[in-house]
N, C-alpha and C. Protein backbone atom coordinates (compact mmCIF):
# COMPACT_ATOMS: atom_id res chain seq x y z
N MET A 1 118.80 241.60 -16.43
CA MET A 1 118.89 241.96 -15.03
C MET A 1 119.64 243.29 -14.91
N PRO A 2 119.12 244.29 -14.19
CA PRO A 2 119.82 245.56 -14.02
C PRO A 2 121.18 245.36 -13.34
N SER A 3 122.15 246.21 -13.70
CA SER A 3 123.52 246.03 -13.21
C SER A 3 123.65 246.17 -11.70
N ASN A 4 122.85 247.04 -11.07
CA ASN A 4 122.96 247.18 -9.62
C ASN A 4 122.48 245.92 -8.88
N ILE A 5 121.52 245.22 -9.44
CA ILE A 5 121.06 243.96 -8.83
C ILE A 5 122.14 242.90 -8.98
N VAL A 6 122.76 242.84 -10.15
CA VAL A 6 123.85 241.87 -10.38
C VAL A 6 125.01 242.18 -9.43
N LYS A 7 125.32 243.46 -9.28
CA LYS A 7 126.42 243.86 -8.40
C LYS A 7 126.14 243.46 -6.95
N LYS A 8 124.91 243.71 -6.47
CA LYS A 8 124.55 243.33 -5.10
C LYS A 8 124.64 241.82 -4.91
N PHE A 9 124.17 241.07 -5.90
CA PHE A 9 124.24 239.61 -5.82
C PHE A 9 125.68 239.14 -5.76
N LYS A 10 126.53 239.71 -6.60
CA LYS A 10 127.95 239.34 -6.61
C LYS A 10 128.61 239.69 -5.29
N ASN A 11 128.28 240.87 -4.73
CA ASN A 11 128.84 241.27 -3.44
C ASN A 11 128.44 240.29 -2.34
N LYS A 12 127.19 239.85 -2.35
CA LYS A 12 126.74 238.88 -1.34
C LYS A 12 127.49 237.55 -1.48
N GLN A 13 127.71 237.13 -2.73
CA GLN A 13 128.48 235.91 -2.97
C GLN A 13 129.90 236.06 -2.44
N THR A 14 130.50 237.19 -2.72
CA THR A 14 131.88 237.44 -2.26
C THR A 14 131.94 237.39 -0.74
N LEU A 15 131.01 238.06 -0.08
CA LEU A 15 131.01 238.06 1.38
C LEU A 15 130.79 236.67 1.95
N SER A 16 129.90 235.94 1.34
CA SER A 16 129.64 234.58 1.80
C SER A 16 130.90 233.72 1.69
N ARG A 17 131.59 233.87 0.58
CA ARG A 17 132.83 233.10 0.37
C ARG A 17 133.93 233.56 1.34
N LEU A 18 133.99 234.86 1.62
CA LEU A 18 134.99 235.35 2.57
C LEU A 18 134.73 234.79 3.97
N LYS A 19 133.47 234.80 4.36
CA LYS A 19 133.11 234.28 5.69
C LYS A 19 133.41 232.80 5.82
N SER A 20 133.40 232.09 4.71
CA SER A 20 133.72 230.66 4.75
C SER A 20 135.21 230.41 4.53
N ARG A 21 136.02 231.47 4.67
CA ARG A 21 137.48 231.40 4.61
C ARG A 21 138.02 230.99 3.25
N ASP A 22 137.38 231.46 2.21
CA ASP A 22 137.81 231.18 0.84
C ASP A 22 138.98 232.11 0.50
N LYS A 23 140.18 231.52 0.45
CA LYS A 23 141.38 232.32 0.19
C LYS A 23 141.42 232.85 -1.24
N GLU A 24 140.80 232.14 -2.14
CA GLU A 24 140.77 232.58 -3.54
C GLU A 24 140.03 233.90 -3.70
N VAL A 25 138.88 234.02 -3.04
CA VAL A 25 138.12 235.27 -3.14
C VAL A 25 138.84 236.39 -2.40
N PHE A 26 139.54 236.07 -1.31
CA PHE A 26 140.31 237.11 -0.64
C PHE A 26 141.44 237.60 -1.54
N THR A 27 142.02 236.72 -2.32
CA THR A 27 143.03 237.12 -3.30
C THR A 27 142.44 238.08 -4.32
N GLU A 28 141.20 237.82 -4.73
CA GLU A 28 140.52 238.73 -5.66
C GLU A 28 140.30 240.10 -5.01
N VAL A 29 139.86 240.09 -3.76
CA VAL A 29 139.65 241.34 -3.02
C VAL A 29 140.98 242.08 -2.89
N TYR A 30 142.04 241.34 -2.61
CA TYR A 30 143.38 241.92 -2.51
C TYR A 30 143.76 242.60 -3.83
N ASP A 31 143.61 241.87 -4.92
CA ASP A 31 143.97 242.41 -6.24
C ASP A 31 143.17 243.67 -6.58
N GLN A 32 141.91 243.71 -6.18
CA GLN A 32 141.05 244.86 -6.48
C GLN A 32 141.39 246.08 -5.63
N ASN A 33 141.99 245.88 -4.46
CA ASN A 33 142.17 246.98 -3.52
C ASN A 33 143.61 247.33 -3.16
N VAL A 34 144.57 246.48 -3.51
CA VAL A 34 145.94 246.68 -3.04
C VAL A 34 146.54 248.00 -3.50
N SER A 35 146.30 248.41 -4.74
CA SER A 35 146.92 249.66 -5.19
C SER A 35 146.33 250.87 -4.46
N ASP A 36 145.02 250.86 -4.19
CA ASP A 36 144.41 251.97 -3.46
C ASP A 36 144.91 252.04 -2.02
N ILE A 37 145.00 250.90 -1.36
CA ILE A 37 145.47 250.87 0.02
C ILE A 37 146.94 251.28 0.07
N HIS A 38 147.74 250.76 -0.86
CA HIS A 38 149.15 251.13 -0.89
C HIS A 38 149.31 252.64 -1.10
N ARG A 39 148.56 253.19 -2.02
CA ARG A 39 148.62 254.63 -2.29
C ARG A 39 148.24 255.41 -1.04
N PHE A 40 147.19 254.99 -0.35
CA PHE A 40 146.75 255.65 0.88
C PHE A 40 147.88 255.62 1.92
N VAL A 41 148.49 254.46 2.11
CA VAL A 41 149.57 254.32 3.10
C VAL A 41 150.77 255.16 2.69
N TYR A 42 151.13 255.09 1.42
CA TYR A 42 152.30 255.83 0.94
C TYR A 42 152.15 257.34 1.16
N PHE A 43 150.97 257.87 0.88
CA PHE A 43 150.77 259.30 1.08
C PHE A 43 150.75 259.67 2.55
N LYS A 44 150.52 258.71 3.42
CA LYS A 44 150.51 259.00 4.85
C LYS A 44 151.90 258.88 5.47
N ILE A 45 152.75 257.97 4.95
CA ILE A 45 154.06 257.78 5.59
C ILE A 45 155.24 258.20 4.72
N GLY A 46 155.07 258.26 3.41
CA GLY A 46 156.09 258.82 2.54
C GLY A 46 157.25 257.92 2.16
N SER A 47 157.24 256.69 2.57
CA SER A 47 158.32 255.76 2.22
C SER A 47 157.73 254.57 1.46
N ARG A 48 158.22 254.37 0.25
CA ARG A 48 157.70 253.29 -0.59
C ARG A 48 157.94 251.91 0.04
N GLU A 49 159.12 251.67 0.56
CA GLU A 49 159.44 250.36 1.14
C GLU A 49 158.57 250.08 2.37
N GLU A 50 158.45 251.07 3.22
CA GLU A 50 157.64 250.87 4.42
C GLU A 50 156.16 250.79 4.07
N ALA A 51 155.74 251.50 3.04
CA ALA A 51 154.35 251.39 2.58
C ALA A 51 154.07 249.99 2.05
N ASN A 52 155.04 249.40 1.36
CA ASN A 52 154.88 248.01 0.87
C ASN A 52 154.69 247.06 2.05
N ASP A 53 155.56 247.18 3.05
CA ASP A 53 155.47 246.31 4.23
C ASP A 53 154.15 246.51 4.97
N LEU A 54 153.80 247.76 5.18
CA LEU A 54 152.59 248.07 5.92
C LEU A 54 151.34 247.61 5.17
N THR A 55 151.34 247.72 3.86
CA THR A 55 150.20 247.25 3.06
C THR A 55 150.01 245.75 3.24
N SER A 56 151.10 245.00 3.24
CA SER A 56 151.00 243.55 3.47
C SER A 56 150.41 243.26 4.84
N ILE A 57 150.88 243.98 5.84
CA ILE A 57 150.37 243.80 7.20
C ILE A 57 148.88 244.12 7.27
N ILE A 58 148.47 245.17 6.57
CA ILE A 58 147.06 245.58 6.57
C ILE A 58 146.18 244.46 6.04
N PHE A 59 146.58 243.83 4.94
CA PHE A 59 145.76 242.77 4.38
C PHE A 59 145.77 241.53 5.27
N LEU A 60 146.88 241.24 5.93
CA LEU A 60 146.89 240.11 6.88
C LEU A 60 145.96 240.38 8.06
N LYS A 61 146.00 241.60 8.58
CA LYS A 61 145.12 241.96 9.69
C LYS A 61 143.66 241.93 9.26
N THR A 62 143.39 242.35 8.03
CA THR A 62 142.02 242.32 7.53
C THR A 62 141.53 240.88 7.42
N TRP A 63 142.37 239.98 6.92
CA TRP A 63 142.02 238.56 6.82
C TRP A 63 141.71 238.02 8.21
N ASP A 64 142.56 238.34 9.20
CA ASP A 64 142.32 237.89 10.57
C ASP A 64 141.00 238.43 11.11
N HIS A 65 140.72 239.69 10.81
CA HIS A 65 139.47 240.29 11.28
C HIS A 65 138.26 239.60 10.64
N ILE A 66 138.35 239.31 9.37
CA ILE A 66 137.25 238.62 8.68
C ILE A 66 137.00 237.26 9.32
N GLN A 67 138.06 236.58 9.71
CA GLN A 67 137.91 235.26 10.31
C GLN A 67 137.29 235.31 11.71
N LYS A 68 137.49 236.43 12.40
CA LYS A 68 137.00 236.56 13.77
C LYS A 68 135.64 237.26 13.87
N ASN A 69 135.31 238.08 12.89
CA ASN A 69 134.09 238.88 12.96
C ASN A 69 133.21 238.61 11.75
N THR A 70 132.07 239.25 11.74
CA THR A 70 131.19 239.12 10.59
C THR A 70 131.15 240.43 9.83
N LEU A 71 130.98 240.31 8.54
CA LEU A 71 130.82 241.47 7.68
C LEU A 71 129.39 241.49 7.20
N GLU A 72 128.82 242.69 7.14
CA GLU A 72 127.42 242.79 6.74
C GLU A 72 127.24 243.00 5.25
N ASP A 73 128.10 243.79 4.64
CA ASP A 73 127.98 244.04 3.21
C ASP A 73 129.33 244.42 2.62
N ALA A 74 129.40 244.52 1.30
CA ALA A 74 130.66 244.81 0.62
C ALA A 74 131.19 246.19 0.98
N LYS A 75 130.29 247.14 1.22
CA LYS A 75 130.72 248.47 1.62
C LYS A 75 131.52 248.39 2.91
N THR A 76 131.09 247.51 3.79
CA THR A 76 131.79 247.31 5.05
C THR A 76 133.18 246.75 4.82
N LEU A 77 133.34 245.88 3.82
CA LEU A 77 134.65 245.30 3.53
C LEU A 77 135.63 246.38 3.12
N ARG A 78 135.25 247.24 2.20
CA ARG A 78 136.15 248.32 1.76
C ARG A 78 136.44 249.27 2.93
N ALA A 79 135.43 249.58 3.71
CA ALA A 79 135.63 250.43 4.88
C ALA A 79 136.55 249.74 5.88
N LEU A 80 136.38 248.44 6.05
CA LEU A 80 137.24 247.69 6.96
C LEU A 80 138.70 247.80 6.54
N LEU A 81 138.97 247.67 5.25
CA LEU A 81 140.35 247.80 4.76
C LEU A 81 140.95 249.16 5.14
N TYR A 82 140.17 250.21 4.96
CA TYR A 82 140.68 251.54 5.28
C TYR A 82 140.78 251.76 6.79
N LYS A 83 139.89 251.19 7.56
CA LYS A 83 139.99 251.31 9.03
C LYS A 83 141.24 250.60 9.53
N VAL A 84 141.48 249.41 9.01
CA VAL A 84 142.69 248.67 9.39
C VAL A 84 143.92 249.47 8.96
N ALA A 85 143.87 250.07 7.76
CA ALA A 85 145.00 250.87 7.28
C ALA A 85 145.25 252.08 8.19
N ARG A 86 144.19 252.77 8.56
CA ARG A 86 144.34 253.93 9.45
C ARG A 86 144.96 253.51 10.77
N ASN A 87 144.48 252.42 11.35
CA ASN A 87 145.02 251.94 12.62
C ASN A 87 146.47 251.50 12.48
N ALA A 88 146.80 250.85 11.37
CA ALA A 88 148.18 250.41 11.14
C ALA A 88 149.12 251.61 11.01
N ILE A 89 148.66 252.66 10.39
CA ILE A 89 149.48 253.88 10.25
C ILE A 89 149.68 254.53 11.63
N ILE A 90 148.64 254.56 12.44
CA ILE A 90 148.76 255.10 13.79
C ILE A 90 149.79 254.29 14.58
N ASP A 91 149.69 252.96 14.49
CA ASP A 91 150.66 252.09 15.17
C ASP A 91 152.08 252.34 14.65
N TYR A 92 152.19 252.52 13.36
CA TYR A 92 153.49 252.78 12.73
C TYR A 92 154.14 254.01 13.36
N TYR A 93 153.38 255.10 13.49
CA TYR A 93 153.93 256.32 14.07
C TYR A 93 154.16 256.20 15.57
N ARG A 94 153.34 255.45 16.26
CA ARG A 94 153.56 255.23 17.70
C ARG A 94 154.88 254.52 17.92
N GLU A 95 155.15 253.51 17.10
CA GLU A 95 156.39 252.74 17.25
C GLU A 95 157.61 253.60 16.96
N ARG A 96 157.50 254.55 16.08
CA ARG A 96 158.63 255.39 15.70
C ARG A 96 158.77 256.62 16.58
N GLY A 97 157.70 257.00 17.26
CA GLY A 97 157.77 258.11 18.18
C GLY A 97 157.65 259.49 17.57
N SER A 98 157.84 259.61 16.28
CA SER A 98 157.69 260.93 15.65
C SER A 98 157.37 260.74 14.18
N GLN A 99 156.78 261.77 13.59
CA GLN A 99 156.42 261.69 12.18
C GLN A 99 157.61 262.00 11.31
N LYS A 100 157.74 261.23 10.25
CA LYS A 100 158.73 261.52 9.24
C LYS A 100 158.10 262.48 8.24
N PRO A 101 158.91 263.37 7.64
CA PRO A 101 158.34 264.22 6.61
C PRO A 101 157.94 263.38 5.40
N ILE A 102 156.88 263.79 4.76
CA ILE A 102 156.38 263.06 3.60
C ILE A 102 157.04 263.60 2.35
N SER A 103 157.64 262.71 1.57
CA SER A 103 158.22 263.10 0.30
C SER A 103 157.48 262.38 -0.81
N LEU A 104 156.89 263.16 -1.68
CA LEU A 104 156.15 262.57 -2.78
C LEU A 104 156.88 262.80 -4.10
N ASP A 105 158.16 263.14 -4.02
CA ASP A 105 158.94 263.45 -5.20
C ASP A 105 159.91 262.35 -5.57
N ASP A 106 159.56 261.12 -5.34
CA ASP A 106 160.41 259.99 -5.68
C ASP A 106 160.29 259.73 -7.18
N GLU A 107 161.18 260.35 -7.96
CA GLU A 107 161.08 260.28 -9.41
C GLU A 107 161.40 258.89 -9.95
N GLN A 108 162.19 258.10 -9.23
CA GLN A 108 162.52 256.76 -9.71
C GLN A 108 161.37 255.79 -9.50
N ASN A 109 160.50 256.08 -8.56
CA ASN A 109 159.35 255.24 -8.28
C ASN A 109 158.09 256.09 -8.24
N PRO A 110 157.64 256.57 -9.39
CA PRO A 110 156.44 257.41 -9.37
C PRO A 110 155.22 256.62 -8.94
N ILE A 111 154.32 257.28 -8.26
CA ILE A 111 153.10 256.63 -7.80
C ILE A 111 151.93 257.14 -8.62
N ASP A 112 151.07 256.25 -9.00
CA ASP A 112 149.91 256.59 -9.81
C ASP A 112 148.88 257.29 -8.93
N ILE A 113 148.45 258.47 -9.33
CA ILE A 113 147.48 259.24 -8.57
C ILE A 113 146.22 259.36 -9.39
N ALA A 114 145.12 258.88 -8.83
CA ALA A 114 143.83 258.94 -9.53
C ALA A 114 143.01 260.07 -8.95
N ILE A 115 143.27 261.27 -9.41
CA ILE A 115 142.56 262.43 -8.88
C ILE A 115 141.43 262.81 -9.81
N ASP A 116 140.26 263.02 -9.23
CA ASP A 116 139.10 263.47 -9.98
C ASP A 116 138.44 264.58 -9.18
N ILE A 117 138.91 265.79 -9.37
CA ILE A 117 138.33 266.91 -8.64
C ILE A 117 137.24 267.50 -9.50
N ASN A 118 136.00 267.26 -9.11
CA ASN A 118 134.89 267.82 -9.87
C ASN A 118 134.11 268.80 -9.01
N GLN A 119 134.84 269.47 -8.12
CA GLN A 119 134.20 270.49 -7.31
C GLN A 119 134.43 271.83 -7.99
N SER A 120 134.70 272.87 -7.23
CA SER A 120 134.75 274.22 -7.80
C SER A 120 135.95 274.45 -8.71
N ASP A 121 137.06 273.78 -8.46
CA ASP A 121 138.26 273.99 -9.27
C ASP A 121 138.69 272.70 -9.95
N LYS A 122 139.27 272.84 -11.12
CA LYS A 122 139.85 271.70 -11.84
C LYS A 122 141.36 271.87 -11.85
N ILE A 123 142.05 270.78 -11.90
CA ILE A 123 143.49 270.85 -12.02
C ILE A 123 143.80 271.10 -13.48
N ASP A 124 144.45 272.23 -13.77
CA ASP A 124 144.68 272.63 -15.15
C ASP A 124 145.82 271.86 -15.79
N ASP A 125 146.89 271.66 -15.08
CA ASP A 125 148.03 270.99 -15.68
C ASP A 125 148.82 270.25 -14.62
N ASN A 126 149.88 269.60 -15.06
CA ASN A 126 150.72 268.80 -14.18
C ASN A 126 151.36 269.65 -13.10
N GLN A 127 151.67 270.90 -13.40
CA GLN A 127 152.29 271.80 -12.43
C GLN A 127 151.35 272.05 -11.25
N ASP A 128 150.06 272.23 -11.53
CA ASP A 128 149.08 272.42 -10.46
C ASP A 128 149.02 271.19 -9.57
N LEU A 129 149.05 270.01 -10.17
CA LEU A 129 149.02 268.76 -9.41
C LEU A 129 150.24 268.67 -8.49
N LYS A 130 151.40 268.98 -9.02
CA LYS A 130 152.62 268.94 -8.20
C LYS A 130 152.54 269.93 -7.04
N ARG A 131 152.00 271.09 -7.31
CA ARG A 131 151.86 272.11 -6.27
C ARG A 131 150.92 271.62 -5.17
N ILE A 132 149.81 271.02 -5.56
CA ILE A 132 148.85 270.50 -4.59
C ILE A 132 149.49 269.41 -3.74
N ILE A 133 150.16 268.47 -4.38
CA ILE A 133 150.79 267.37 -3.65
C ILE A 133 151.87 267.89 -2.70
N SER A 134 152.61 268.92 -3.13
CA SER A 134 153.67 269.46 -2.27
C SER A 134 153.11 270.13 -1.02
N LYS A 135 151.85 270.54 -1.05
CA LYS A 135 151.24 271.22 0.10
C LYS A 135 150.57 270.25 1.08
N LEU A 136 150.31 269.03 0.67
CA LEU A 136 149.63 268.07 1.55
C LEU A 136 150.30 267.90 2.91
N PRO A 137 151.63 267.78 2.98
CA PRO A 137 152.25 267.59 4.31
C PRO A 137 152.04 268.75 5.27
N PHE A 138 151.67 269.92 4.76
CA PHE A 138 151.50 271.09 5.61
C PHE A 138 150.08 271.22 6.16
N LEU A 139 149.18 270.37 5.72
CA LEU A 139 147.81 270.38 6.22
C LEU A 139 147.71 269.62 7.53
N LYS A 140 146.67 269.93 8.30
CA LYS A 140 146.37 269.13 9.48
C LYS A 140 146.18 267.68 9.05
N GLU A 141 146.52 266.76 9.91
CA GLU A 141 146.41 265.34 9.60
C GLU A 141 145.00 264.97 9.13
N GLU A 142 144.00 265.49 9.80
CA GLU A 142 142.61 265.20 9.47
C GLU A 142 142.26 265.69 8.06
N TYR A 143 142.75 266.87 7.70
CA TYR A 143 142.49 267.42 6.37
C TYR A 143 143.23 266.63 5.30
N ARG A 144 144.48 266.32 5.58
CA ARG A 144 145.28 265.55 4.61
C ARG A 144 144.63 264.20 4.34
N GLU A 145 144.19 263.55 5.40
CA GLU A 145 143.59 262.23 5.26
C GLU A 145 142.32 262.27 4.39
N ILE A 146 141.46 263.24 4.63
CA ILE A 146 140.21 263.29 3.86
C ILE A 146 140.48 263.65 2.40
N ILE A 147 141.46 264.50 2.13
CA ILE A 147 141.80 264.82 0.74
C ILE A 147 142.37 263.59 0.04
N ILE A 148 143.22 262.85 0.73
CA ILE A 148 143.78 261.62 0.14
C ILE A 148 142.68 260.62 -0.15
N MET A 149 141.79 260.40 0.82
CA MET A 149 140.72 259.43 0.60
C MET A 149 139.80 259.84 -0.54
N ARG A 150 139.43 261.13 -0.59
CA ARG A 150 138.45 261.58 -1.58
C ARG A 150 139.03 261.75 -2.97
N PHE A 151 140.16 262.42 -3.09
CA PHE A 151 140.66 262.80 -4.40
C PHE A 151 141.79 261.93 -4.92
N ILE A 152 142.54 261.31 -4.05
CA ILE A 152 143.63 260.47 -4.52
C ILE A 152 143.16 259.02 -4.62
N ASN A 153 142.41 258.55 -3.62
CA ASN A 153 141.90 257.18 -3.68
C ASN A 153 140.47 257.11 -4.19
N ASP A 154 139.87 258.23 -4.48
CA ASP A 154 138.57 258.31 -5.14
C ASP A 154 137.46 257.58 -4.37
N LEU A 155 137.46 257.73 -3.04
CA LEU A 155 136.40 257.13 -2.23
C LEU A 155 135.19 258.04 -2.22
N SER A 156 134.02 257.46 -2.13
CA SER A 156 132.79 258.25 -2.07
C SER A 156 132.64 258.85 -0.67
N LEU A 157 131.77 259.84 -0.56
CA LEU A 157 131.51 260.44 0.75
C LEU A 157 130.95 259.42 1.72
N GLU A 158 130.12 258.50 1.21
CA GLU A 158 129.56 257.45 2.06
C GLU A 158 130.66 256.54 2.60
N GLU A 159 131.62 256.18 1.74
CA GLU A 159 132.72 255.32 2.20
C GLU A 159 133.57 256.04 3.23
N ILE A 160 133.86 257.31 2.99
CA ILE A 160 134.65 258.08 3.95
C ILE A 160 133.89 258.20 5.27
N SER A 161 132.60 258.40 5.19
CA SER A 161 131.76 258.47 6.39
C SER A 161 131.86 257.17 7.19
N ASP A 162 131.77 256.06 6.50
CA ASP A 162 131.86 254.76 7.16
C ASP A 162 133.24 254.54 7.78
N ILE A 163 134.28 254.89 7.05
CA ILE A 163 135.65 254.71 7.52
C ILE A 163 135.94 255.59 8.73
N SER A 164 135.55 256.86 8.65
CA SER A 164 135.87 257.81 9.71
C SER A 164 134.86 257.80 10.85
N GLN A 165 133.74 257.10 10.64
CA GLN A 165 132.66 257.02 11.61
C GLN A 165 132.10 258.41 11.93
N LYS A 166 131.98 259.22 10.86
CA LYS A 166 131.37 260.54 10.95
C LYS A 166 130.16 260.54 10.03
N SER A 167 129.25 261.43 10.29
CA SER A 167 128.08 261.53 9.41
C SER A 167 128.52 262.06 8.04
N ARG A 168 127.69 261.79 7.04
CA ARG A 168 128.00 262.26 5.69
C ARG A 168 128.10 263.79 5.67
N GLY A 169 127.23 264.45 6.42
CA GLY A 169 127.28 265.91 6.52
C GLY A 169 128.58 266.40 7.12
N ASN A 170 129.04 265.73 8.19
CA ASN A 170 130.31 266.10 8.80
C ASN A 170 131.47 265.90 7.84
N VAL A 171 131.40 264.83 7.05
CA VAL A 171 132.46 264.57 6.07
C VAL A 171 132.48 265.68 5.03
N ARG A 172 131.30 266.10 4.56
CA ARG A 172 131.23 267.18 3.56
C ARG A 172 131.82 268.48 4.13
N VAL A 173 131.49 268.80 5.38
CA VAL A 173 132.02 270.01 6.01
C VAL A 173 133.53 269.90 6.17
N LEU A 174 134.00 268.76 6.62
CA LEU A 174 135.44 268.54 6.79
C LEU A 174 136.17 268.64 5.45
N LEU A 175 135.59 268.07 4.42
CA LEU A 175 136.19 268.14 3.09
C LEU A 175 136.25 269.59 2.60
N HIS A 176 135.19 270.33 2.82
CA HIS A 176 135.17 271.75 2.43
C HIS A 176 136.27 272.51 3.17
N ARG A 177 136.39 272.29 4.47
CA ARG A 177 137.42 272.97 5.26
C ARG A 177 138.82 272.58 4.79
N ALA A 178 139.01 271.30 4.48
CA ALA A 178 140.31 270.82 4.01
C ALA A 178 140.67 271.47 2.69
N LEU A 179 139.71 271.55 1.77
CA LEU A 179 139.97 272.18 0.47
C LEU A 179 140.23 273.67 0.63
N THR A 180 139.54 274.32 1.56
CA THR A 180 139.77 275.74 1.82
C THR A 180 141.18 275.94 2.37
N ALA A 181 141.59 275.10 3.31
CA ALA A 181 142.94 275.20 3.87
C ALA A 181 144.00 274.95 2.80
N LEU A 182 143.76 273.96 1.94
CA LEU A 182 144.69 273.67 0.85
C LEU A 182 144.78 274.85 -0.12
N ARG A 183 143.64 275.41 -0.46
CA ARG A 183 143.61 276.58 -1.36
C ARG A 183 144.39 277.74 -0.75
N GLU A 184 144.22 277.98 0.56
CA GLU A 184 144.94 279.06 1.23
C GLU A 184 146.44 278.83 1.21
N LEU A 185 146.86 277.59 1.43
CA LEU A 185 148.29 277.27 1.36
C LEU A 185 148.85 277.56 -0.02
N ILE A 186 148.10 277.18 -1.03
CA ILE A 186 148.56 277.39 -2.40
C ILE A 186 148.59 278.87 -2.74
N GLU A 187 147.57 279.62 -2.32
CA GLU A 187 147.52 281.06 -2.61
C GLU A 187 148.58 281.84 -1.84
N ASP A 188 148.92 281.39 -0.62
CA ASP A 188 149.93 282.08 0.19
C ASP A 188 151.32 281.92 -0.41
N ASN A 189 151.56 280.79 -1.07
CA ASN A 189 152.88 280.53 -1.64
C ASN A 189 152.70 279.82 -2.97
N PRO A 190 152.26 280.51 -4.01
CA PRO A 190 151.92 279.86 -5.28
C PRO A 190 153.11 279.35 -6.08
N SER A 191 154.32 279.76 -5.77
CA SER A 191 155.46 279.38 -6.60
C SER A 191 155.97 277.98 -6.33
N THR A 192 155.62 277.39 -5.19
CA THR A 192 156.13 276.04 -4.89
C THR A 192 155.12 274.99 -5.16
């Protein structure tokens, strides 16, 4: 049996079990996605402790949503996790009234970054990576979010399109603009 057919069959089984309130399969979904969601939240709010709390809340809200609504496919499940995460982050900032600066230099608690930039530029060394991460807080929120989703959490353009509710073409244009803005920030001040 081809692997894509097996994968689709497994996804349908997972969704069926989720809809029937199978906590065991939700635990599997949690295990498969918790590090990506946590990383996404952490890069948006900059505090490890609050990212831990918010990640837990996100999965509880997702479970509640699954119980109240229907899911059509596995792609929707992953998109649902990120939509709930985005909304939870918005609520987080509303409750606090202002944005905290993002610090990604927590040397005692390093965060694993899964970056795969296969566009026009490659990251040559660790110094380039640090420089890129240091510039993220200076980007527009929309640009920062798409760079985090695409290059740090390694989401596909289709997944980002589903999460942001934008067309795939709009996502590609937004990603291009975000990378251009990031490149300009780095070129304007290459030493940091």
